[in-house]
Amino acid sequence: MGVTIKEERIEIRLATAEKERIRQAAVLSHQNLSEFVLRAVRAVADETLAEQTRFVLPAEQMKTFYAALDQPAKSIPRLRELLKKPSVFEGR
């Protein structure tokens, strides 16, 4: 298993009391300050990314969702007409 070379650095400013609180939590977790902060930031980053990239439904709702996806597309005449018009972003 290779060693990861850490090349990047993040710096933040915080009040003395905030730093001491974080340091105490790191000590209680048997980690140094950098390890503790990195672990916490990773957890929040993973949670934030997961919220934006996946969703979970109860089994019955998931069945309903899949059934809706399996249905053929509905023809919507007004939408078809709208898509025939040039986009407002296209040159005229």
PDB file of N, CA and C in Angstrom:
ATOM      1  N   MET A   1       0.845  -1.175   0.000  1.00  0.00           N
ATOM      2  CA  MET A   1       0.000   0.000   0.000  1.00  0.00           C
ATOM      3  C   MET A   1       0.889   1.236   0.000  1.00  0.00           C
ATOM      4  N   GLY A   2       0.710   2.108  -1.003  1.00  0.00           N
ATOM      5  CA  GLY A   2       1.554   3.277  -1.141  1.00  0.00           C
ATOM      6  C   GLY A   2       1.198   4.384  -0.169  1.00  0.00           C
ATOM      7  N   VAL A   3       2.140   5.267   0.008  1.00  0.00           N
ATOM      8  CA  VAL A   3       1.944   6.416   0.885  1.00  0.00           C
ATOM      9  C   VAL A   3       1.435   7.573   0.038  1.00  0.00           C
ATOM     10  N   THR A   4       0.398   8.236   0.505  1.00  0.00           N
ATOM     11  CA  THR A   4      -0.127   9.398  -0.202  1.00  0.00           C
ATOM     12  C   THR A   4       0.712  10.613   0.147  1.00  0.00           C
ATOM     13  N   ILE A   5       1.195  11.275  -0.877  1.00  0.00           N
ATOM     14  CA  ILE A   5       1.974  12.494  -0.667  1.00  0.00           C
ATOM     15  C   ILE A   5       1.001  13.657  -0.594  1.00  0.00           C
ATOM     16  N   LYS A   6       1.061  14.380   0.475  1.00  0.00           N
ATOM     17  CA  LYS A   6       0.166  15.515   0.678  1.00  0.00           C
ATOM     18  C   LYS A   6       0.874  16.771   0.200  1.00  0.00           C
ATOM     19  N   GLU A   7       0.354  17.324  -0.872  1.00  0.00           N
ATOM     20  CA  GLU A   7       0.988  18.490  -1.478  1.00  0.00           C
ATOM     21  C   GLU A   7       0.218  19.779  -1.253  1.00  0.00           C
ATOM     22  N   GLU A   8      -1.047  19.680  -0.923  1.00  0.00           N
ATOM     23  CA  GLU A   8      -1.895  20.863  -0.809  1.00  0.00           C
ATOM     24  C   GLU A   8      -2.088  21.264   0.647  1.00  0.00           C
ATOM     25  N   ARG A   9      -2.437  22.534   0.822  1.00  0.00           N
ATOM     26  CA  ARG A   9      -2.615  23.071   2.170  1.00  0.00           C
ATOM     27  C   ARG A   9      -3.847  23.973   2.166  1.00  0.00           C
ATOM     28  N   ILE A  10      -4.622  23.918   3.237  1.00  0.00           N
ATOM     29  CA  ILE A  10      -5.748  24.823   3.428  1.00  0.00           C
ATOM     30  C   ILE A  10      -5.485  25.584   4.723  1.00  0.00           C
ATOM     31  N   GLU A  11      -5.653  26.885   4.664  1.00  0.00           N
ATOM     32  CA  GLU A  11      -5.459  27.690   5.861  1.00  0.00           C
ATOM     33  C   GLU A  11      -6.763  28.384   6.197  1.00  0.00           C
ATOM     34  N   ILE A  12      -7.087  28.427   7.480  1.00  0.00           N
ATOM     35  CA  ILE A  12      -8.282  29.134   7.933  1.00  0.00           C
ATOM     36  C   ILE A  12      -7.933  29.983   9.144  1.00  0.00           C
ATOM     37  N   ARG A  13      -8.693  31.019   9.340  1.00  0.00           N
ATOM     38  CA  ARG A  13      -8.526  31.856  10.526  1.00  0.00           C
ATOM     39  C   ARG A  13      -9.675  31.523  11.471  1.00  0.00           C
ATOM     40  N   LEU A  14      -9.375  31.443  12.747  1.00  0.00           N
ATOM     41  CA  LEU A  14     -10.406  31.173  13.734  1.00  0.00           C
ATOM     42  C   LEU A  14     -10.019  31.776  15.063  1.00  0.00           C
ATOM     43  N   ALA A  15     -11.012  31.945  15.890  1.00  0.00           N
ATOM     44  CA  ALA A  15     -10.774  32.510  17.217  1.00  0.00           C
ATOM     45  C   ALA A  15     -10.019  31.496  18.064  1.00  0.00           C
ATOM     46  N   THR A  16      -9.270  31.992  19.031  1.00  0.00           N
ATOM     47  CA  THR A  16      -8.498  31.137  19.931  1.00  0.00           C
ATOM     48  C   THR A  16      -9.391  30.104  20.606  1.00  0.00           C
ATOM     49  N   ALA A  17     -10.561  30.516  21.046  1.00  0.00           N
ATOM     50  CA  ALA A  17     -11.483  29.595  21.725  1.00  0.00           C
ATOM     51  C   ALA A  17     -11.947  28.479  20.782  1.00  0.00           C
ATOM     52  N   GLU A  18     -12.179  28.825  19.513  1.00  0.00           N
ATOM     53  CA  GLU A  18     -12.585  27.805  18.544  1.00  0.00           C
ATOM     54  C   GLU A  18     -11.475  26.782  18.339  1.00  0.00           C
ATOM     55  N   LYS A  19     -10.257  27.280  18.195  1.00  0.00           N
ATOM     56  CA  LYS A  19      -9.131  26.371  17.982  1.00  0.00           C
ATOM     57  C   LYS A  19      -8.948  25.454  19.188  1.00  0.00           C
ATOM     58  N   GLU A  20      -9.072  26.000  20.368  1.00  0.00           N
ATOM     59  CA  GLU A  20      -8.900  25.193  21.580  1.00  0.00           C
ATOM     60  C   GLU A  20      -9.991  24.122  21.678  1.00  0.00           C
ATOM     61  N   ARG A  21     -11.194  24.483  21.335  1.00  0.00           N
ATOM     62  CA  ARG A  21     -12.294  23.505  21.357  1.00  0.00           C
ATOM     63  C   ARG A  21     -12.012  22.360  20.387  1.00  0.00           C
ATOM     64  N   ILE A  22     -11.570  22.709  19.186  1.00  0.00           N
ATOM     65  CA  ILE A  22     -11.259  21.686  18.178  1.00  0.00           C
ATOM     66  C   ILE A  22     -10.071  20.842  18.628  1.00  0.00           C
ATOM     67  N   ARG A  23      -9.059  21.495  19.204  1.00  0.00           N
ATOM     68  CA  ARG A  23      -7.891  20.761  19.692  1.00  0.00           C
ATOM     69  C   ARG A  23      -8.281  19.764  20.775  1.00  0.00           C
ATOM     70  N   GLN A  24      -9.149  20.185  21.692  1.00  0.00           N
ATOM     71  CA  GLN A  24      -9.598  19.279  22.755  1.00  0.00           C
ATOM     72  C   GLN A  24     -10.339  18.075  22.179  1.00  0.00           C
ATOM     73  N   ALA A  25     -11.184  18.325  21.191  1.00  0.00           N
ATOM     74  CA  ALA A  25     -11.912  17.222  20.554  1.00  0.00           C
ATOM     75  C   ALA A  25     -10.944  16.277  19.849  1.00  0.00           C
ATOM     76  N   ALA A  26      -9.904  16.829  19.237  1.00  0.00           N
ATOM     77  CA  ALA A  26      -8.900  15.997  18.571  1.00  0.00           C
ATOM     78  C   ALA A  26      -8.177  15.117  19.586  1.00  0.00           C
ATOM     79  N   VAL A  27      -7.787  15.695  20.708  1.00  0.00           N
ATOM     80  CA  VAL A  27      -7.104  14.944  21.764  1.00  0.00           C
ATOM     81  C   VAL A  27      -7.993  13.805  22.251  1.00  0.00           C
ATOM     82  N   LEU A  28      -9.258  14.102  22.507  1.00  0.00           N
ATOM     83  CA  LEU A  28     -10.187  13.070  22.981  1.00  0.00           C
ATOM     84  C   LEU A  28     -10.411  11.971  21.943  1.00  0.00           C
ATOM     85  N   SER A  29     -10.210  12.310  20.664  1.00  0.00           N
ATOM     86  CA  SER A  29     -10.351  11.331  19.577  1.00  0.00           C
ATOM     87  C   SER A  29      -9.042  10.618  19.261  1.00  0.00           C
ATOM     88  N   HIS A  30      -7.996  10.954  20.020  1.00  0.00           N
ATOM     89  CA  HIS A  30      -6.665  10.364  19.805  1.00  0.00           C
ATOM     90  C   HIS A  30      -6.143  10.648  18.397  1.00  0.00           C
ATOM     91  N   GLN A  31      -6.321  11.898  17.972  1.00  0.00           N
ATOM     92  CA  GLN A  31      -5.831  12.329  16.663  1.00  0.00           C
ATOM     93  C   GLN A  31      -5.115  13.659  16.838  1.00  0.00           C
ATOM     94  N   ASN A  32      -4.219  13.944  15.898  1.00  0.00           N
ATOM     95  CA  ASN A  32      -3.647  15.286  15.940  1.00  0.00           C
ATOM     96  C   ASN A  32      -4.657  16.246  15.307  1.00  0.00           C
ATOM     97  N   LEU A  33      -4.416  17.517  15.440  1.00  0.00           N
ATOM     98  CA  LEU A  33      -5.364  18.528  14.987  1.00  0.00           C
ATOM     99  C   LEU A  33      -5.661  18.406  13.489  1.00  0.00           C
ATOM    100  N   SER A  34      -4.624  18.227  12.689  1.00  0.00           N
ATOM    101  CA  SER A  34      -4.818  18.120  11.243  1.00  0.00           C
ATOM    102  C   SER A  34      -5.666  16.907  10.875  1.00  0.00           C
ATOM    103  N   GLU A  35      -5.367  15.767  11.475  1.00  0.00           N
ATOM    104  CA  GLU A  35      -6.152  14.557  11.189  1.00  0.00           C
ATOM    105  C   GLU A  35      -7.612  14.749  11.568  1.00  0.00           C
ATOM    106  N   PHE A  36      -7.843  15.344  12.728  1.00  0.00           N
ATOM    107  CA  PHE A  36      -9.207  15.550  13.206  1.00  0.00           C
ATOM    108  C   PHE A  36      -9.985  16.459  12.262  1.00  0.00           C
ATOM    109  N   VAL A  37      -9.381  17.576  11.897  1.00  0.00           N
ATOM    110  CA  VAL A  37     -10.052  18.540  11.022  1.00  0.00           C
ATOM    111  C   VAL A  37     -10.300  17.918   9.648  1.00  0.00           C
ATOM    112  N   LEU A  38      -9.310  17.234   9.095  1.00  0.00           N
ATOM    113  CA  LEU A  38      -9.473  16.625   7.775  1.00  0.00           C
ATOM    114  C   LEU A  38     -10.588  15.582   7.787  1.00  0.00           C
ATOM    115  N   ARG A  39     -10.638  14.771   8.836  1.00  0.00           N
ATOM    116  CA  ARG A  39     -11.686  13.751   8.944  1.00  0.00           C
ATOM    117  C   ARG A  39     -13.079  14.404   8.997  1.00  0.00           C
ATOM    118  N   ALA A  40     -13.210  15.467   9.773  1.00  0.00           N
ATOM    119  CA  ALA A  40     -14.491  16.161   9.896  1.00  0.00           C
ATOM    120  C   ALA A  40     -14.903  16.805   8.574  1.00  0.00           C
ATOM    121  N   VAL A  41     -13.956  17.435   7.909  1.00  0.00           N
ATOM    122  CA  VAL A  41     -14.254  18.095   6.638  1.00  0.00           C
ATOM    123  C   VAL A  41     -14.627  17.065   5.576  1.00  0.00           C
ATOM    124  N   ARG A  42     -13.910  15.947   5.534  1.00  0.00           N
ATOM    125  CA  ARG A  42     -14.253  14.880   4.584  1.00  0.00           C
ATOM    126  C   ARG A  42     -15.680  14.391   4.796  1.00  0.00           C
ATOM    127  N   ALA A  43     -16.068  14.201   6.055  1.00  0.00           N
ATOM    128  CA  ALA A  43     -17.413  13.701   6.358  1.00  0.00           C
ATOM    129  C   ALA A  43     -18.481  14.665   5.846  1.00  0.00           C
ATOM    130  N   VAL A  44     -18.279  15.950   6.071  1.00  0.00           N
ATOM    131  CA  VAL A  44     -19.253  16.942   5.606  1.00  0.00           C
ATOM    132  C   VAL A  44     -19.239  17.019   4.079  1.00  0.00           C
ATOM    133  N   ALA A  45     -18.072  16.945   3.470  1.00  0.00           N
ATOM    134  CA  ALA A  45     -17.983  16.970   2.007  1.00  0.00           C
ATOM    135  C   ALA A  45     -18.699  15.767   1.406  1.00  0.00           C
ATOM    136  N   ASP A  46     -18.481  14.579   1.963  1.00  0.00           N
ATOM    137  CA  ASP A  46     -19.146  13.371   1.460  1.00  0.00           C
ATOM    138  C   ASP A  46     -20.658  13.486   1.580  1.00  0.00           C
ATOM    139  N   GLU A  47     -21.117  14.001   2.705  1.00  0.00           N
ATOM    140  CA  GLU A  47     -22.560  14.170   2.932  1.00  0.00           C
ATOM    141  C   GLU A  47     -23.155  15.160   1.937  1.00  0.00           C
ATOM    142  N   THR A  48     -22.479  16.277   1.733  1.00  0.00           N
ATOM    143  CA  THR A  48     -22.954  17.307   0.814  1.00  0.00           C
ATOM    144  C   THR A  48     -23.014  16.768  -0.611  1.00  0.00           C
ATOM    145  N   LEU A  49     -21.967  16.073  -1.037  1.00  0.00           N
ATOM    146  CA  LEU A  49     -21.954  15.508  -2.386  1.00  0.00           C
ATOM    147  C   LEU A  49     -23.027  14.447  -2.560  1.00  0.00           C
ATOM    148  N   ALA A  50     -23.231  13.613  -1.544  1.00  0.00           N
ATOM    149  CA  ALA A  50     -24.254  12.566  -1.618  1.00  0.00           C
ATOM    150  C   ALA A  50     -25.643  13.179  -1.750  1.00  0.00           C
ATOM    151  N   GLU A  51     -25.892  14.263  -1.042  1.00  0.00           N
ATOM    152  CA  GLU A  51     -27.197  14.922  -1.128  1.00  0.00           C
ATOM    153  C   GLU A  51     -27.490  15.423  -2.537  1.00  0.00           C
ATOM    154  N   GLN A  52     -26.446  15.735  -3.286  1.00  0.00           N
ATOM    155  CA  GLN A  52     -26.619  16.282  -4.623  1.00  0.00           C
ATOM    156  C   GLN A  52     -26.558  15.225  -5.726  1.00  0.00           C
ATOM    157  N   THR A  53     -26.160  14.002  -5.402  1.00  0.00           N
ATOM    158  CA  THR A  53     -25.950  13.004  -6.450  1.00  0.00           C
ATOM    159  C   THR A  53     -26.778  11.742  -6.302  1.00  0.00           C
ATOM    160  N   ARG A  54     -27.468  11.554  -5.175  1.00  0.00           N
ATOM    161  CA  ARG A  54     -28.285  10.348  -5.015  1.00  0.00           C
ATOM    162  C   ARG A  54     -29.453  10.629  -4.097  1.00  0.00           C
ATOM    163  N   PHE A  55     -30.474   9.797  -4.224  1.00  0.00           N
ATOM    164  CA  PHE A  55     -31.594   9.906  -3.320  1.00  0.00           C
ATOM    165  C   PHE A  55     -32.077   8.500  -2.982  1.00  0.00           C
ATOM    166  N   VAL A  56     -32.718   8.373  -1.844  1.00  0.00           N
ATOM    167  CA  VAL A  56     -33.172   7.076  -1.359  1.00  0.00           C
ATOM    168  C   VAL A  56     -34.669   7.164  -1.106  1.00  0.00           C
ATOM    169  N   LEU A  57     -35.383   6.149  -1.578  1.00  0.00           N
ATOM    170  CA  LEU A  57     -36.823   6.082  -1.363  1.00  0.00           C
ATOM    171  C   LEU A  57     -37.177   4.767  -0.684  1.00  0.00           C
ATOM    172  N   PRO A  58     -38.268   4.767   0.071  1.00  0.00           N
ATOM    173  CA  PRO A  58     -38.754   3.485   0.588  1.00  0.00           C
ATOM    174  C   PRO A  58     -39.094   2.555  -0.583  1.00  0.00           C
ATOM    175  N   ALA A  59     -39.073   1.256  -0.347  1.00  0.00           N
ATOM    176  CA  ALA A  59     -39.236   0.257  -1.415  1.00  0.00           C
ATOM    177  C   ALA A  59     -40.481   0.502  -2.274  1.00  0.00           C
ATOM    178  N   GLU A  60     -41.606   0.788  -1.646  1.00  0.00           N
ATOM    179  CA  GLU A  60     -42.852   0.969  -2.414  1.00  0.00           C
ATOM    180  C   GLU A  60     -42.773   2.205  -3.314  1.00  0.00           C
ATOM    181  N   GLN A  61     -42.209   3.292  -2.804  1.00  0.00           N
ATOM    182  CA  GLN A  61     -42.051   4.493  -3.626  1.00  0.00           C
ATOM    183  C   GLN A  61     -41.037   4.260  -4.744  1.00  0.00           C
ATOM    184  N   MET A  62     -40.014   3.451  -4.473  1.00  0.00           N
ATOM    185  CA  MET A  62     -39.027   3.148  -5.503  1.00  0.00           C
ATOM    186  C   MET A  62     -39.675   2.367  -6.634  1.00  0.00           C
ATOM    187  N   LYS A  63     -40.559   1.414  -6.310  1.00  0.00           N
ATOM    188  CA  LYS A  63     -41.282   0.666  -7.346  1.00  0.00           C
ATOM    189  C   LYS A  63     -42.114   1.610  -8.207  1.00  0.00           C
ATOM    190  N   THR A  64     -42.791   2.548  -7.558  1.00  0.00           N
ATOM    191  CA  THR A  64     -43.605   3.525  -8.290  1.00  0.00           C
ATOM    192  C   THR A  64     -42.730   4.392  -9.185  1.00  0.00           C
ATOM    193  N   PHE A  65     -41.591   4.797  -8.673  1.00  0.00           N
ATOM    194  CA  PHE A  65     -40.648   5.615  -9.441  1.00  0.00           C
ATOM    195  C   PHE A  65     -40.159   4.858 -10.671  1.00  0.00           C
ATOM    196  N   TYR A  66     -39.732   3.605 -10.492  1.00  0.00           N
ATOM    197  CA  TYR A  66     -39.264   2.798 -11.623  1.00  0.00           C
ATOM    198  C   TYR A  66     -40.376   2.576 -12.639  1.00  0.00           C
ATOM    199  N   ALA A  67     -41.596   2.358 -12.162  1.00  0.00           N
ATOM    200  CA  ALA A  67     -42.724   2.164 -13.077  1.00  0.00           C
ATOM    201  C   ALA A  67     -42.942   3.414 -13.924  1.00  0.00           C
ATOM    202  N   ALA A  68     -42.818   4.586 -13.309  1.00  0.00           N
ATOM    203  CA  ALA A  68     -42.968   5.835 -14.053  1.00  0.00           C
ATOM    204  C   ALA A  68     -41.866   5.992 -15.095  1.00  0.00           C
ATOM    205  N   LEU A  69     -40.655   5.600 -14.745  1.00  0.00           N
ATOM    206  CA  LEU A  69     -39.546   5.690 -15.708  1.00  0.00           C
ATOM    207  C   LEU A  69     -39.743   4.742 -16.887  1.00  0.00           C
ATOM    208  N   ASP A  70     -40.387   3.617 -16.638  1.00  0.00           N
ATOM    209  CA  ASP A  70     -40.598   2.619 -17.690  1.00  0.00           C
ATOM    210  C   ASP A  70     -41.717   2.985 -18.650  1.00  0.00           C
ATOM    211  N   GLN A  71     -42.537   3.963 -18.307  1.00  0.00           N
ATOM    212  CA  GLN A  71     -43.639   4.368 -19.173  1.00  0.00           C
ATOM    213  C   GLN A  71     -43.098   5.097 -20.398  1.00  0.00           C
ATOM    214  N   PRO A  72     -43.755   4.929 -21.549  1.00  0.00           N
ATOM    215  CA  PRO A  72     -43.323   5.684 -22.730  1.00  0.00           C
ATOM    216  C   PRO A  72     -43.538   7.180 -22.503  1.00  0.00           C
ATOM    217  N   ALA A  73     -42.742   7.966 -23.158  1.00  0.00           N
ATOM    218  CA  ALA A  73     -42.846   9.418 -23.016  1.00  0.00           C
ATOM    219  C   ALA A  73     -44.186   9.899 -23.537  1.00  0.00           C
ATOM    220  N   LYS A  74     -44.766  10.868 -22.845  1.00  0.00           N
ATOM    221  CA  LYS A  74     -46.033  11.455 -23.284  1.00  0.00           C
ATOM    222  C   LYS A  74     -45.735  12.528 -24.320  1.00  0.00           C
ATOM    223  N   SER A  75     -46.608  12.620 -25.309  1.00  0.00           N
ATOM    224  CA  SER A  75     -46.486  13.674 -26.297  1.00  0.00           C
ATOM    225  C   SER A  75     -47.197  14.907 -25.762  1.00  0.00           C
ATOM    226  N   ILE A  76     -46.481  16.003 -25.702  1.00  0.00           N
ATOM    227  CA  ILE A  76     -47.045  17.261 -25.210  1.00  0.00           C
ATOM    228  C   ILE A  76     -46.936  18.273 -26.351  1.00  0.00           C
ATOM    229  N   PRO A  77     -48.050  18.491 -27.052  1.00  0.00           N
ATOM    230  CA  PRO A  77     -48.011  19.346 -28.250  1.00  0.00           C
ATOM    231  C   PRO A  77     -47.415  20.730 -28.006  1.00  0.00           C
ATOM    232  N   ARG A  78     -47.783  21.401 -26.921  1.00  0.00           N
ATOM    233  CA  ARG A  78     -47.257  22.744 -26.669  1.00  0.00           C
ATOM    234  C   ARG A  78     -45.739  22.715 -26.464  1.00  0.00           C
ATOM    235  N   LEU A  79     -45.238  21.665 -25.828  1.00  0.00           N
ATOM    236  CA  LEU A  79     -43.793  21.533 -25.637  1.00  0.00           C
ATOM    237  C   LEU A  79     -43.102  21.283 -26.977  1.00  0.00           C
ATOM    238  N   ARG A  80     -43.720  20.444 -27.814  1.00  0.00           N
ATOM    239  CA  ARG A  80     -43.142  20.168 -29.143  1.00  0.00           C
ATOM    240  C   ARG A  80     -43.034  21.457 -29.951  1.00  0.00           C
ATOM    241  N   GLU A  81     -44.070  22.298 -29.896  1.00  0.00           N
ATOM    242  CA  GLU A  81     -44.047  23.575 -30.609  1.00  0.00           C
ATOM    243  C   GLU A  81     -42.969  24.503 -30.050  1.00  0.00           C
ATOM    244  N   LEU A  82     -42.860  24.537 -28.742  1.00  0.00           N
ATOM    245  CA  LEU A  82     -41.849  25.382 -28.111  1.00  0.00           C
ATOM    246  C   LEU A  82     -40.444  24.981 -28.555  1.00  0.00           C
ATOM    247  N   LEU A  83     -40.199  23.689 -28.663  1.00  0.00           N
ATOM    248  CA  LEU A  83     -38.868  23.214 -29.038  1.00  0.00           C
ATOM    249  C   LEU A  83     -38.537  23.471 -30.504  1.00  0.00           C
ATOM    250  N   LYS A  84     -39.541  23.773 -31.314  1.00  0.00           N
ATOM    251  CA  LYS A  84     -39.303  24.107 -32.723  1.00  0.00           C
ATOM    252  C   LYS A  84     -38.791  25.537 -32.877  1.00  0.00           C
ATOM    253  N   LYS A  85     -39.066  26.381 -31.891  1.00  0.00           N
ATOM    254  CA  LYS A  85     -38.653  27.783 -31.950  1.00  0.00           C
ATOM    255  C   LYS A  85     -37.171  27.900 -31.617  1.00  0.00           C
ATOM    256  N   PRO A  86     -36.495  28.894 -32.193  1.00  0.00           N
ATOM    257  CA  PRO A  86     -35.078  29.099 -31.857  1.00  0.00           C
ATOM    258  C   PRO A  86     -34.943  29.470 -30.372  1.00  0.00           C
ATOM    259  N   SER A  87     -33.874  29.030 -29.790  1.00  0.00           N
ATOM    260  CA  SER A  87     -33.597  29.336 -28.381  1.00  0.00           C
ATOM    261  C   SER A  87     -33.263  30.814 -28.228  1.00  0.00           C
ATOM    262  N   VAL A  88     -33.591  31.377 -27.083  1.00  0.00           N
ATOM    263  CA  VAL A  88     -33.220  32.765 -26.812  1.00  0.00           C
ATOM    264  C   VAL A  88     -31.707  32.917 -26.727  1.00  0.00           C
ATOM    265  N   PHE A  89     -30.994  31.796 -26.576  1.00  0.00           N
ATOM    266  CA  PHE A  89     -29.538  31.826 -26.471  1.00  0.00           C
ATOM    267  C   PHE A  89     -28.851  31.694 -27.839  1.00  0.00           C
ATOM    268  N   GLU A  90     -29.631  31.372 -28.863  1.00  0.00           N
ATOM    269  CA  GLU A  90     -29.066  31.241 -30.205  1.00  0.00           C
ATOM    270  C   GLU A  90     -29.122  32.580 -30.915  1.00  0.00           C
ATOM    271  N   GLY A  91     -28.160  32.821 -31.800  1.00  0.00           N
ATOM    272  CA  GLY A  91     -28.188  34.044 -32.597  1.00  0.00           C
ATOM    273  C   GLY A  91     -29.338  33.974 -33.589  1.00  0.00           C
ATOM    274  N   ARG A  92     -29.879  35.095 -33.929  1.00  0.00           N
ATOM    275  CA  ARG A  92     -31.032  35.125 -34.852  1.00  0.00           C
ATOM    276  C   ARG A  92     -30.584  35.348 -36.259  1.00  0.00           C
TER     277      ARG A  92
END
